[in-house]
Protein backbone atom coordinates (compact mmCIF):
# COMPACT_ATOMS: atom_id res chain seq x y z
CA UNK A 1 0.00 0.00 0.00
CA UNK A 2 1.46 3.35 -1.05
CA UNK A 3 1.60 6.25 1.35
CA UNK A 4 -0.15 9.39 0.11
CA UNK A 5 2.21 12.14 -1.02
CA UNK A 6 -0.07 14.89 0.19
CA UNK A 7 -0.08 14.79 3.99
CA UNK A 8 -3.55 16.36 4.07
CA UNK A 9 -4.86 13.18 2.46
CA UNK A 10 -3.18 11.00 5.05
CA UNK A 11 -5.67 9.31 7.36
CA UNK A 12 -4.81 8.30 10.88
CA UNK A 13 -5.25 4.72 11.98
CA UNK A 14 -8.47 3.93 13.73
CA UNK A 15 -7.68 3.41 17.38
CA UNK A 16 -8.81 0.29 19.25
CA UNK A 17 -11.91 0.59 21.44
CA UNK A 18 -11.24 2.62 24.59
CA UNK A 19 -12.39 -0.17 26.91
CA UNK A 20 -9.94 -2.55 25.17
CA UNK A 21 -7.07 -0.11 25.71
CA UNK A 22 -8.04 0.38 29.35
CA UNK A 23 -8.10 -3.39 29.83
CA UNK A 24 -4.54 -3.81 28.51
CA UNK A 25 -2.82 -0.58 29.56
CA UNK A 26 -2.45 1.88 32.43
CA UNK A 27 -1.68 5.55 31.89
CA UNK A 28 -0.25 7.93 34.45
CA UNK A 29 -1.28 11.46 33.38
CA UNK A 30 1.26 13.05 35.74
CA UNK A 31 4.32 11.26 34.32
CA UNK A 32 2.90 10.60 30.85
CA UNK A 33 3.92 6.94 30.94
CA UNK A 34 1.81 4.21 29.35
CA UNK A 35 2.40 0.77 30.84
CA UNK A 36 1.14 -2.70 29.99
CA UNK A 37 -0.92 -4.29 32.81
CA UNK A 38 0.62 -7.71 32.23
CA UNK A 39 4.25 -6.67 32.64
CA UNK A 40 4.02 -3.34 34.45
CA UNK A 41 6.64 -1.99 32.03
CA UNK A 42 6.48 1.10 29.82
CA UNK A 43 5.34 0.22 26.33
CA UNK A 44 7.12 0.83 23.05
CA UNK A 45 10.17 2.59 21.78
CA UNK A 46 11.23 6.07 20.77
CA UNK A 47 11.40 6.63 17.01
CA UNK A 48 13.93 8.79 15.16
CA UNK A 49 11.72 11.90 15.63
CA UNK A 50 11.43 11.40 19.38
CA UNK A 51 7.85 10.08 19.46
CA UNK A 52 6.99 7.04 21.59
CA UNK A 53 5.41 4.25 19.53
CA UNK A 54 4.19 0.77 20.41
CA UNK A 55 2.64 -2.27 18.78
CA UNK A 56 -0.71 -3.62 19.84
CA UNK A 57 -2.41 -6.52 18.05
CA UNK A 58 0.04 -6.27 15.12
CA UNK A 59 -0.52 -2.54 14.54
CA UNK A 60 1.86 0.30 15.46
CA UNK A 61 0.36 3.30 17.29
CA UNK A 62 1.71 6.62 18.58
CA UNK A 63 1.55 6.73 22.38
CA UNK A 64 0.44 10.38 22.47
CA UNK A 65 -2.64 9.66 20.32
CA UNK A 66 -3.59 6.61 22.39
CA UNK A 67 -3.19 8.28 25.79
CA UNK A 68 -5.17 11.31 24.65
CA UNK A 69 -7.98 8.95 23.61
CA UNK A 70 -7.75 6.87 26.79
CA UNK A 71 -7.90 9.96 29.00
CA UNK A 72 -10.53 12.04 27.18
CA UNK A 73 -12.59 9.27 25.59
CA UNK A 74 -12.54 11.09 22.25
CA UNK A 75 -10.70 9.71 19.23
CA UNK A 76 -8.66 12.59 17.76
CA UNK A 77 -9.45 11.14 14.29
CA UNK A 78 -8.13 13.54 11.64
CA UNK A 79 -6.81 16.07 14.15
CA UNK A 80 -3.26 16.23 15.45
CA UNK A 81 -2.15 15.76 19.05
CA UNK A 82 0.25 18.62 19.74
CA UNK A 83 2.99 18.50 22.38
CA UNK A 84 2.70 22.00 23.86
CA UNK A 85 6.28 22.22 25.10
CA UNK A 86 7.72 20.86 21.85
CA UNK A 87 9.13 17.73 23.53
CA UNK A 88 7.72 14.85 21.49
CA UNK A 89 8.55 12.31 24.20
CA UNK A 90 6.62 14.23 26.90
CA UNK A 91 3.20 12.56 26.98
CA UNK A 92 1.83 14.11 30.17
CA UNK A 93 -1.82 14.96 29.61
CA UNK A 94 -1.20 18.61 30.54
CA UNK A 95 1.24 18.77 27.61
CA UNK A 96 -1.12 17.32 24.99
CA UNK A 97 -3.82 19.14 23.05
CA UNK A 98 -5.96 18.15 20.08
CA UNK A 99 -5.61 20.69 17.26
CA UNK A 100 -5.75 21.05 13.51
CA UNK A 101 -2.60 20.47 11.50
CA UNK A 102 -2.42 24.21 10.76
CA UNK A 103 -2.51 25.11 14.46
CA UNK A 104 0.13 22.49 15.18
CA UNK A 105 2.45 24.12 12.65
CA UNK A 106 2.43 27.30 14.76
CA UNK A 107 4.05 25.32 17.56
CA UNK A 108 7.04 24.05 15.57
CA UNK A 109 10.62 24.91 16.40
CA UNK A 110 11.05 26.65 13.02
CA UNK A 111 8.05 28.89 13.65
CA UNK A 112 9.19 29.71 17.18
CA UNK A 113 12.71 30.49 15.95
CA UNK A 114 11.36 32.75 13.20
CA UNK A 115 9.17 34.96 15.38
CA UNK A 116 11.04 34.50 18.65
CA UNK A 117 7.85 33.79 20.61
CA UNK A 118 8.30 31.18 23.34
CA UNK A 119 6.44 27.92 22.81
CA UNK A 120 4.14 28.48 25.79
CA UNK A 121 2.63 31.51 24.07
CA UNK A 122 1.79 29.51 20.94
CA UNK A 123 0.22 26.73 22.96
CA UNK A 124 -2.50 27.51 25.46
CA UNK A 125 -1.13 25.58 28.40
CA UNK A 126 -3.98 26.87 30.56
CA UNK A 127 -6.08 24.08 29.05
CA UNK A 128 -4.45 21.94 31.75
CA UNK A 129 -6.83 23.51 34.29
CA UNK A 130 -9.59 21.45 32.69
CA UNK A 131 -7.70 18.30 33.65
CA UNK A 132 -7.67 19.19 37.33
CA UNK A 133 -11.04 17.50 37.59
CA UNK A 134 -11.09 14.00 39.00
CA UNK A 135 -9.69 11.32 36.75
CA UNK A 136 -12.10 8.81 35.26
CA UNK A 137 -12.55 5.76 37.52
CA UNK A 138 -10.54 3.64 35.05
CA UNK A 139 -7.34 5.43 36.10
C-alpha atoms as a PDB file:
ATOM      1  CA  UNK A   1       0.000   0.000   0.000  1.00  0.00           C
ATOM      2  CA  UNK A   2       1.459   3.351  -1.049  1.00  0.00           C
ATOM      3  CA  UNK A   3       1.605   6.249   1.353  1.00  0.00           C
ATOM      4  CA  UNK A   4      -0.147   9.394   0.108  1.00  0.00           C
ATOM      5  CA  UNK A   5       2.215  12.139  -1.023  1.00  0.00           C
ATOM      6  CA  UNK A   6      -0.066  14.889   0.187  1.00  0.00           C
ATOM      7  CA  UNK A   7      -0.080  14.791   3.991  1.00  0.00           C
ATOM      8  CA  UNK A   8      -3.550  16.356   4.068  1.00  0.00           C
ATOM      9  CA  UNK A   9      -4.857  13.184   2.455  1.00  0.00           C
ATOM     10  CA  UNK A  10      -3.180  11.000   5.054  1.00  0.00           C
ATOM     11  CA  UNK A  11      -5.669   9.312   7.364  1.00  0.00           C
ATOM     12  CA  UNK A  12      -4.812   8.296  10.881  1.00  0.00           C
ATOM     13  CA  UNK A  13      -5.250   4.722  11.976  1.00  0.00           C
ATOM     14  CA  UNK A  14      -8.472   3.930  13.735  1.00  0.00           C
ATOM     15  CA  UNK A  15      -7.678   3.412  17.383  1.00  0.00           C
ATOM     16  CA  UNK A  16      -8.813   0.290  19.246  1.00  0.00           C
ATOM     17  CA  UNK A  17     -11.907   0.591  21.441  1.00  0.00           C
ATOM     18  CA  UNK A  18     -11.243   2.623  24.588  1.00  0.00           C
ATOM     19  CA  UNK A  19     -12.393  -0.175  26.912  1.00  0.00           C
ATOM     20  CA  UNK A  20      -9.939  -2.549  25.173  1.00  0.00           C
ATOM     21  CA  UNK A  21      -7.071  -0.110  25.708  1.00  0.00           C
ATOM     22  CA  UNK A  22      -8.036   0.383  29.353  1.00  0.00           C
ATOM     23  CA  UNK A  23      -8.105  -3.393  29.831  1.00  0.00           C
ATOM     24  CA  UNK A  24      -4.539  -3.812  28.514  1.00  0.00           C
ATOM     25  CA  UNK A  25      -2.819  -0.576  29.557  1.00  0.00           C
ATOM     26  CA  UNK A  26      -2.447   1.885  32.435  1.00  0.00           C
ATOM     27  CA  UNK A  27      -1.677   5.551  31.889  1.00  0.00           C
ATOM     28  CA  UNK A  28      -0.245   7.935  34.452  1.00  0.00           C
ATOM     29  CA  UNK A  29      -1.280  11.464  33.379  1.00  0.00           C
ATOM     30  CA  UNK A  30       1.259  13.049  35.737  1.00  0.00           C
ATOM     31  CA  UNK A  31       4.322  11.265  34.319  1.00  0.00           C
ATOM     32  CA  UNK A  32       2.896  10.596  30.847  1.00  0.00           C
ATOM     33  CA  UNK A  33       3.923   6.942  30.938  1.00  0.00           C
ATOM     34  CA  UNK A  34       1.812   4.212  29.349  1.00  0.00           C
ATOM     35  CA  UNK A  35       2.397   0.769  30.841  1.00  0.00           C
ATOM     36  CA  UNK A  36       1.137  -2.703  29.986  1.00  0.00           C
ATOM     37  CA  UNK A  37      -0.917  -4.288  32.805  1.00  0.00           C
ATOM     38  CA  UNK A  38       0.616  -7.715  32.232  1.00  0.00           C
ATOM     39  CA  UNK A  39       4.253  -6.668  32.637  1.00  0.00           C
ATOM     40  CA  UNK A  40       4.023  -3.339  34.449  1.00  0.00           C
ATOM     41  CA  UNK A  41       6.644  -1.985  32.029  1.00  0.00           C
ATOM     42  CA  UNK A  42       6.476   1.099  29.823  1.00  0.00           C
ATOM     43  CA  UNK A  43       5.336   0.216  26.325  1.00  0.00           C
ATOM     44  CA  UNK A  44       7.116   0.826  23.051  1.00  0.00           C
ATOM     45  CA  UNK A  45      10.174   2.590  21.783  1.00  0.00           C
ATOM     46  CA  UNK A  46      11.229   6.075  20.768  1.00  0.00           C
ATOM     47  CA  UNK A  47      11.396   6.632  17.012  1.00  0.00           C
ATOM     48  CA  UNK A  48      13.926   8.794  15.163  1.00  0.00           C
ATOM     49  CA  UNK A  49      11.725  11.895  15.631  1.00  0.00           C
ATOM     50  CA  UNK A  50      11.433  11.397  19.385  1.00  0.00           C
ATOM     51  CA  UNK A  51       7.849  10.083  19.456  1.00  0.00           C
ATOM     52  CA  UNK A  52       6.988   7.038  21.588  1.00  0.00           C
ATOM     53  CA  UNK A  53       5.413   4.248  19.532  1.00  0.00           C
ATOM     54  CA  UNK A  54       4.192   0.765  20.411  1.00  0.00           C
ATOM     55  CA  UNK A  55       2.644  -2.274  18.782  1.00  0.00           C
ATOM     56  CA  UNK A  56      -0.711  -3.623  19.838  1.00  0.00           C
ATOM     57  CA  UNK A  57      -2.407  -6.518  18.047  1.00  0.00           C
ATOM     58  CA  UNK A  58       0.045  -6.275  15.117  1.00  0.00           C
ATOM     59  CA  UNK A  59      -0.524  -2.542  14.544  1.00  0.00           C
ATOM     60  CA  UNK A  60       1.860   0.300  15.465  1.00  0.00           C
ATOM     61  CA  UNK A  61       0.363   3.299  17.292  1.00  0.00           C
ATOM     62  CA  UNK A  62       1.706   6.616  18.585  1.00  0.00           C
ATOM     63  CA  UNK A  63       1.552   6.728  22.379  1.00  0.00           C
ATOM     64  CA  UNK A  64       0.438  10.380  22.465  1.00  0.00           C
ATOM     65  CA  UNK A  65      -2.638   9.660  20.322  1.00  0.00           C
ATOM     66  CA  UNK A  66      -3.595   6.609  22.389  1.00  0.00           C
ATOM     67  CA  UNK A  67      -3.186   8.282  25.790  1.00  0.00           C
ATOM     68  CA  UNK A  68      -5.172  11.314  24.646  1.00  0.00           C
ATOM     69  CA  UNK A  69      -7.980   8.952  23.605  1.00  0.00           C
ATOM     70  CA  UNK A  70      -7.746   6.873  26.785  1.00  0.00           C
ATOM     71  CA  UNK A  71      -7.899   9.963  28.998  1.00  0.00           C
ATOM     72  CA  UNK A  72     -10.527  12.036  27.184  1.00  0.00           C
ATOM     73  CA  UNK A  73     -12.588   9.273  25.592  1.00  0.00           C
ATOM     74  CA  UNK A  74     -12.538  11.094  22.249  1.00  0.00           C
ATOM     75  CA  UNK A  75     -10.698   9.708  19.231  1.00  0.00           C
ATOM     76  CA  UNK A  76      -8.657  12.592  17.759  1.00  0.00           C
ATOM     77  CA  UNK A  77      -9.451  11.140  14.290  1.00  0.00           C
ATOM     78  CA  UNK A  78      -8.132  13.537  11.635  1.00  0.00           C
ATOM     79  CA  UNK A  79      -6.814  16.067  14.153  1.00  0.00           C
ATOM     80  CA  UNK A  80      -3.257  16.225  15.453  1.00  0.00           C
ATOM     81  CA  UNK A  81      -2.147  15.761  19.054  1.00  0.00           C
ATOM     82  CA  UNK A  82       0.250  18.617  19.745  1.00  0.00           C
ATOM     83  CA  UNK A  83       2.987  18.497  22.384  1.00  0.00           C
ATOM     84  CA  UNK A  84       2.698  22.001  23.857  1.00  0.00           C
ATOM     85  CA  UNK A  85       6.278  22.220  25.103  1.00  0.00           C
ATOM     86  CA  UNK A  86       7.724  20.864  21.849  1.00  0.00           C
ATOM     87  CA  UNK A  87       9.131  17.734  23.526  1.00  0.00           C
ATOM     88  CA  UNK A  88       7.717  14.846  21.493  1.00  0.00           C
ATOM     89  CA  UNK A  89       8.548  12.309  24.203  1.00  0.00           C
ATOM     90  CA  UNK A  90       6.621  14.230  26.903  1.00  0.00           C
ATOM     91  CA  UNK A  91       3.200  12.558  26.978  1.00  0.00           C
ATOM     92  CA  UNK A  92       1.834  14.107  30.172  1.00  0.00           C
ATOM     93  CA  UNK A  93      -1.823  14.961  29.605  1.00  0.00           C
ATOM     94  CA  UNK A  94      -1.204  18.607  30.540  1.00  0.00           C
ATOM     95  CA  UNK A  95       1.235  18.774  27.609  1.00  0.00           C
ATOM     96  CA  UNK A  96      -1.122  17.319  24.987  1.00  0.00           C
ATOM     97  CA  UNK A  97      -3.816  19.136  23.048  1.00  0.00           C
ATOM     98  CA  UNK A  98      -5.957  18.152  20.075  1.00  0.00           C
ATOM     99  CA  UNK A  99      -5.612  20.690  17.260  1.00  0.00           C
ATOM    100  CA  UNK A 100      -5.747  21.054  13.510  1.00  0.00           C
ATOM    101  CA  UNK A 101      -2.599  20.468  11.497  1.00  0.00           C
ATOM    102  CA  UNK A 102      -2.419  24.206  10.763  1.00  0.00           C
ATOM    103  CA  UNK A 103      -2.506  25.113  14.457  1.00  0.00           C
ATOM    104  CA  UNK A 104       0.133  22.489  15.182  1.00  0.00           C
ATOM    105  CA  UNK A 105       2.453  24.121  12.655  1.00  0.00           C
ATOM    106  CA  UNK A 106       2.427  27.297  14.765  1.00  0.00           C
ATOM    107  CA  UNK A 107       4.054  25.324  17.556  1.00  0.00           C
ATOM    108  CA  UNK A 108       7.042  24.046  15.573  1.00  0.00           C
ATOM    109  CA  UNK A 109      10.620  24.910  16.395  1.00  0.00           C
ATOM    110  CA  UNK A 110      11.053  26.653  13.017  1.00  0.00           C
ATOM    111  CA  UNK A 111       8.053  28.893  13.651  1.00  0.00           C
ATOM    112  CA  UNK A 112       9.191  29.713  17.183  1.00  0.00           C
ATOM    113  CA  UNK A 113      12.710  30.492  15.948  1.00  0.00           C
ATOM    114  CA  UNK A 114      11.360  32.748  13.201  1.00  0.00           C
ATOM    115  CA  UNK A 115       9.170  34.957  15.376  1.00  0.00           C
ATOM    116  CA  UNK A 116      11.040  34.499  18.654  1.00  0.00           C
ATOM    117  CA  UNK A 117       7.853  33.786  20.605  1.00  0.00           C
ATOM    118  CA  UNK A 118       8.295  31.178  23.335  1.00  0.00           C
ATOM    119  CA  UNK A 119       6.436  27.917  22.807  1.00  0.00           C
ATOM    120  CA  UNK A 120       4.145  28.483  25.789  1.00  0.00           C
ATOM    121  CA  UNK A 121       2.628  31.511  24.069  1.00  0.00           C
ATOM    122  CA  UNK A 122       1.788  29.510  20.945  1.00  0.00           C
ATOM    123  CA  UNK A 123       0.221  26.726  22.957  1.00  0.00           C
ATOM    124  CA  UNK A 124      -2.496  27.507  25.458  1.00  0.00           C
ATOM    125  CA  UNK A 125      -1.126  25.578  28.403  1.00  0.00           C
ATOM    126  CA  UNK A 126      -3.977  26.869  30.559  1.00  0.00           C
ATOM    127  CA  UNK A 127      -6.077  24.080  29.052  1.00  0.00           C
ATOM    128  CA  UNK A 128      -4.450  21.937  31.750  1.00  0.00           C
ATOM    129  CA  UNK A 129      -6.835  23.510  34.292  1.00  0.00           C
ATOM    130  CA  UNK A 130      -9.595  21.453  32.691  1.00  0.00           C
ATOM    131  CA  UNK A 131      -7.698  18.305  33.648  1.00  0.00           C
ATOM    132  CA  UNK A 132      -7.667  19.194  37.330  1.00  0.00           C
ATOM    133  CA  UNK A 133     -11.044  17.499  37.587  1.00  0.00           C
ATOM    134  CA  UNK A 134     -11.094  13.999  39.004  1.00  0.00           C
ATOM    135  CA  UNK A 135      -9.687  11.315  36.753  1.00  0.00           C
ATOM    136  CA  UNK A 136     -12.105   8.810  35.257  1.00  0.00           C
ATOM    137  CA  UNK A 137     -12.548   5.758  37.525  1.00  0.00           C
ATOM    138  CA  UNK A 138     -10.537   3.641  35.050  1.00  0.00           C
ATOM    139  CA  UNK A 139      -7.338   5.432  36.104  1.00  0.00           C
END
